[in-house]
Amino acid sequence: MVIKLNAMRFFGRSLILSQFFFLAIITPVLAQAAAGDPIIISPRAGEAVQGRVEINGITAMEGFQRAEVEFRYVNDPKNTWFILAETDQNVNPGKIAEWDTSLISDGNYDLRLTVCITGGTCKNTIVPGLRVRNYSPVETPTPPDPVATSNVMVIVETTIPTLTPRPTRPAYESNPAILSPSDLNGSLFRGGVVGIGFFLSFGIYWIVKRSLS
């Protein structure tokens, strides 16, 4: 009964923690959606991508007409955007498009989602610094949190403590209770003789009993 109660408490705490992390992730997304801007949920800024990559997000806006996804080289002086996909179906949230990164050379790219609504107004959002790494090593599997990353480097001076010498461990005497191989062999031999004698005695007893009956 106690184990069952502990399991129920553990499950309840895990559920609360999972809900907390879900809210921490989804709250900024909902705030951006409330502002009336398109959203790219994945991939994330600075993420390393390979092969076919699903582009997920939110394009459902009042007066939605169409959405398009584009990409460009990071720091492209010509600011040239290449059309990746166009759609007249909105999602809230869901898969917007699929990007086959194997068709382009490895490098760093920006991804842009643009949603056009009635009246000719278009709004967009950009995911910067996506690292396409199909044919080159991936530096890190997960990009650092841009909010937590700071451009200021702090140098901390630390003092290495002096190691305290430890006394030498004394040599231990051999344990007299340890059996030698000869002792083991002798025990096995005596056990075998006793076992054989037992089976012979039982066989003689069974033969005599059968002959008398």
Protein backbone atom coordinates (compact mmCIF):
# COMPACT_ATOMS: atom_id res chain seq x y z
CA MET A 1 0.00 0.00 0.00
CA VAL A 2 2.88 2.37 0.88
CA ILE A 3 4.60 1.60 -2.45
CA LYS A 4 1.37 2.35 -4.31
CA LEU A 5 0.97 5.71 -2.54
CA ASN A 6 4.60 6.65 -3.30
CA ALA A 7 4.10 5.74 -6.96
CA MET A 8 0.97 7.91 -7.13
CA ARG A 9 2.82 10.83 -5.55
CA PHE A 10 5.74 10.43 -7.98
CA PHE A 11 3.34 10.34 -10.94
CA GLY A 12 1.56 13.47 -9.70
CA ARG A 13 4.80 15.39 -9.29
CA SER A 14 6.01 14.29 -12.75
CA LEU A 15 2.74 15.47 -14.27
CA ILE A 16 3.05 18.88 -12.60
CA LEU A 17 6.65 19.29 -13.79
CA SER A 18 5.75 18.31 -17.36
CA GLN A 19 2.93 20.86 -17.37
CA PHE A 20 5.29 23.53 -16.05
CA PHE A 21 7.86 22.91 -18.80
CA PHE A 22 5.12 22.83 -21.45
CA LEU A 23 3.84 26.21 -20.29
CA ALA A 24 7.37 27.63 -20.24
CA ILE A 25 7.84 26.61 -23.87
CA ILE A 26 4.41 27.47 -25.24
CA THR A 27 3.90 30.83 -23.45
CA PRO A 28 6.26 32.85 -25.73
CA VAL A 29 4.67 31.17 -28.76
CA LEU A 30 1.16 32.09 -27.62
CA ALA A 31 2.27 35.66 -26.89
CA GLN A 32 3.61 36.04 -30.42
CA ALA A 33 0.44 34.50 -31.85
CA ALA A 34 -1.68 36.94 -29.85
CA ALA A 35 0.30 39.77 -31.44
CA GLY A 36 -0.91 38.62 -34.85
CA ASP A 37 2.45 37.49 -36.24
CA PRO A 38 3.24 34.19 -38.00
CA ILE A 39 5.31 31.77 -35.92
CA ILE A 40 7.94 29.14 -36.70
CA ILE A 41 8.03 26.60 -33.87
CA SER A 42 10.67 24.37 -35.45
CA PRO A 43 13.44 24.38 -36.45
CA ARG A 44 14.89 26.70 -33.83
CA ALA A 45 17.42 29.49 -34.30
CA GLY A 46 20.97 28.15 -34.52
CA GLU A 47 19.86 24.52 -34.82
CA ALA A 48 21.87 22.06 -36.91
CA VAL A 49 19.67 20.39 -39.54
CA GLN A 50 20.17 17.49 -41.93
CA GLY A 51 18.15 15.81 -44.67
CA ARG A 52 14.44 16.53 -44.84
CA VAL A 53 13.36 19.00 -42.17
CA GLU A 54 9.75 19.71 -41.23
CA ILE A 55 8.93 23.40 -40.80
CA ASN A 56 6.22 23.67 -38.16
CA GLY A 57 4.47 26.75 -36.90
CA ILE A 58 1.34 28.90 -36.88
CA THR A 59 0.02 30.74 -39.93
CA ALA A 60 -3.65 31.06 -38.94
CA MET A 61 -4.29 34.79 -39.00
CA GLU A 62 -7.49 36.74 -39.58
CA GLY A 63 -7.93 37.30 -43.31
CA PHE A 64 -5.33 34.66 -44.21
CA GLN A 65 -4.71 34.34 -47.96
CA ARG A 66 -1.38 32.61 -48.43
CA ALA A 67 1.92 31.75 -46.76
CA GLU A 68 5.36 31.27 -48.18
CA VAL A 69 8.65 29.96 -46.79
CA GLU A 70 12.02 31.25 -48.01
CA PHE A 71 15.68 30.87 -47.13
CA ARG A 72 18.87 32.80 -47.72
CA TYR A 73 22.55 32.63 -46.90
CA VAL A 74 23.46 34.27 -43.62
CA ASN A 75 24.95 37.75 -44.13
CA ASP A 76 24.20 37.65 -47.85
CA PRO A 77 25.17 41.14 -49.11
CA LYS A 78 22.54 40.91 -51.87
CA ASN A 79 19.84 39.83 -49.39
CA THR A 80 18.54 37.27 -51.90
CA TRP A 81 15.72 35.03 -50.64
CA PHE A 82 14.93 31.72 -52.35
CA ILE A 83 11.36 30.40 -52.38
CA LEU A 84 11.11 27.10 -50.57
CA ALA A 85 7.34 26.54 -50.48
CA GLU A 86 4.01 28.31 -50.94
CA THR A 87 0.63 27.29 -49.52
CA ASP A 88 -2.92 28.61 -49.27
CA GLN A 89 -3.71 26.39 -46.25
CA ASN A 90 -3.22 27.84 -42.78
CA VAL A 91 -2.19 25.80 -39.74
CA ASN A 92 -2.64 26.47 -36.03
CA PRO A 93 -0.21 24.91 -35.28
CA GLY A 94 1.02 22.33 -37.77
CA LYS A 95 3.36 21.47 -40.60
CA ILE A 96 3.84 24.37 -42.98
CA ALA A 97 6.39 22.90 -45.38
CA GLU A 98 9.26 20.43 -45.73
CA TRP A 99 12.80 21.51 -46.53
CA ASP A 100 15.14 19.08 -48.28
CA THR A 101 18.46 20.46 -47.11
CA SER A 102 20.43 17.86 -49.08
CA LEU A 103 19.73 19.89 -52.23
CA ILE A 104 21.83 22.84 -51.06
CA SER A 105 25.43 23.18 -49.93
CA ASP A 106 26.33 23.05 -46.28
CA GLY A 107 26.39 26.41 -44.58
CA ASN A 108 24.45 28.79 -42.36
CA TYR A 109 21.03 29.98 -43.50
CA ASP A 110 18.15 32.17 -42.38
CA LEU A 111 14.59 30.90 -42.73
CA ARG A 112 11.67 33.27 -43.27
CA LEU A 113 7.93 32.66 -42.99
CA THR A 114 5.64 35.24 -44.60
CA VAL A 115 1.86 35.34 -44.26
CA CYS A 116 -0.23 37.64 -46.48
CA ILE A 117 -3.76 38.63 -45.46
CA THR A 118 -6.60 40.46 -47.13
CA GLY A 119 -5.81 44.05 -48.02
CA GLY A 120 -2.31 43.25 -49.27
CA THR A 121 -0.69 43.25 -45.83
CA CYS A 122 2.09 40.70 -45.26
CA LYS A 123 3.78 39.82 -42.00
CA ASN A 124 6.86 37.65 -41.56
CA THR A 125 9.11 36.06 -39.00
CA ILE A 126 12.73 34.95 -39.42
CA VAL A 127 14.63 32.07 -37.82
CA PRO A 128 18.33 33.02 -38.05
CA GLY A 129 21.48 30.94 -38.18
CA LEU A 130 20.23 27.49 -39.18
CA ARG A 131 23.25 25.25 -39.74
CA VAL A 132 22.88 22.84 -42.67
CA ARG A 133 25.32 20.01 -42.00
CA ASN A 134 24.68 17.17 -44.43
CA TYR A 135 28.28 16.78 -45.59
CA SER A 136 30.26 18.34 -42.75
CA PRO A 137 30.58 17.64 -39.01
CA VAL A 138 27.98 19.05 -36.63
CA GLU A 139 29.61 21.30 -34.05
CA THR A 140 27.01 20.89 -31.31
CA PRO A 141 23.76 18.87 -31.35
CA THR A 142 21.74 21.58 -29.57
CA PRO A 143 22.20 25.34 -30.02
CA PRO A 144 22.70 27.50 -26.94
CA ASP A 145 19.76 29.44 -25.58
CA PRO A 146 19.99 32.89 -27.23
CA VAL A 147 18.37 34.51 -24.18
CA ALA A 148 20.91 33.00 -21.79
CA THR A 149 23.91 33.70 -24.07
CA SER A 150 25.82 36.86 -23.22
CA ASN A 151 28.48 38.69 -25.21
CA VAL A 152 30.34 39.57 -22.01
CA MET A 153 33.06 37.16 -20.97
CA VAL A 154 33.68 37.01 -17.24
CA ILE A 155 37.09 35.83 -16.06
CA VAL A 156 36.99 34.17 -12.66
CA GLU A 157 40.24 33.74 -10.79
CA THR A 158 40.38 30.51 -8.87
CA THR A 159 42.97 29.13 -6.48
CA ILE A 160 43.97 25.50 -6.80
CA PRO A 161 43.99 23.99 -3.30
CA THR A 162 47.12 22.23 -2.08
CA LEU A 163 46.68 18.51 -2.01
CA THR A 164 46.94 17.05 1.48
CA PRO A 165 49.24 13.98 1.53
CA ARG A 166 47.46 10.86 2.59
CA PRO A 167 49.12 8.21 4.81
CA THR A 168 50.39 5.13 3.06
CA ARG A 169 48.01 2.22 3.39
CA PRO A 170 49.65 -0.59 5.41
CA ALA A 171 50.15 -3.92 3.76
CA TYR A 172 47.51 -6.39 4.83
CA GLU A 173 48.47 -9.86 6.00
CA SER A 174 47.16 -12.83 4.11
CA ASN A 175 43.81 -14.11 5.30
CA PRO A 176 44.25 -17.50 7.00
CA ALA A 177 40.65 -18.36 6.14
CA ILE A 178 41.40 -18.45 2.40
CA LEU A 179 41.40 -22.01 1.04
CA SER A 180 44.30 -23.14 -1.10
CA PRO A 181 43.78 -25.15 -4.31
CA SER A 182 45.01 -28.31 -2.57
CA ASP A 183 42.40 -27.86 0.17
CA LEU A 184 39.67 -27.46 -2.43
CA ASN A 185 40.79 -30.54 -4.33
CA GLY A 186 40.89 -32.58 -1.13
CA SER A 187 37.37 -31.45 -0.19
CA LEU A 188 36.06 -32.34 -3.63
CA PHE A 189 37.69 -35.77 -3.47
CA ARG A 190 36.24 -36.55 -0.05
CA GLY A 191 32.83 -35.33 -1.16
CA GLY A 192 33.00 -37.57 -4.24
CA VAL A 193 33.95 -40.62 -2.16
CA VAL A 194 31.07 -39.98 0.24
CA GLY A 195 28.63 -39.56 -2.63
CA ILE A 196 29.74 -42.77 -4.33
CA GLY A 197 29.53 -44.67 -1.05
CA PHE A 198 26.00 -43.36 -0.52
CA PHE A 199 24.83 -44.49 -3.94
CA LEU A 200 26.49 -47.93 -3.52
CA SER A 201 24.83 -48.42 -0.11
CA PHE A 202 21.47 -47.42 -1.53
CA GLY A 203 21.92 -49.81 -4.48
CA ILE A 204 22.81 -52.74 -2.22
CA TYR A 205 19.85 -51.97 0.03
CA TRP A 206 17.46 -51.84 -2.93
CA ILE A 207 18.78 -55.16 -4.38
CA VAL A 208 18.50 -56.96 -1.02
CA LYS A 209 15.02 -55.60 -0.39
CA ARG A 210 13.86 -56.70 -3.84
CA SER A 211 15.30 -60.22 -3.44
CA LEU A 212 13.54 -60.69 -0.08
CA SER A 213 10.17 -59.57 -1.35
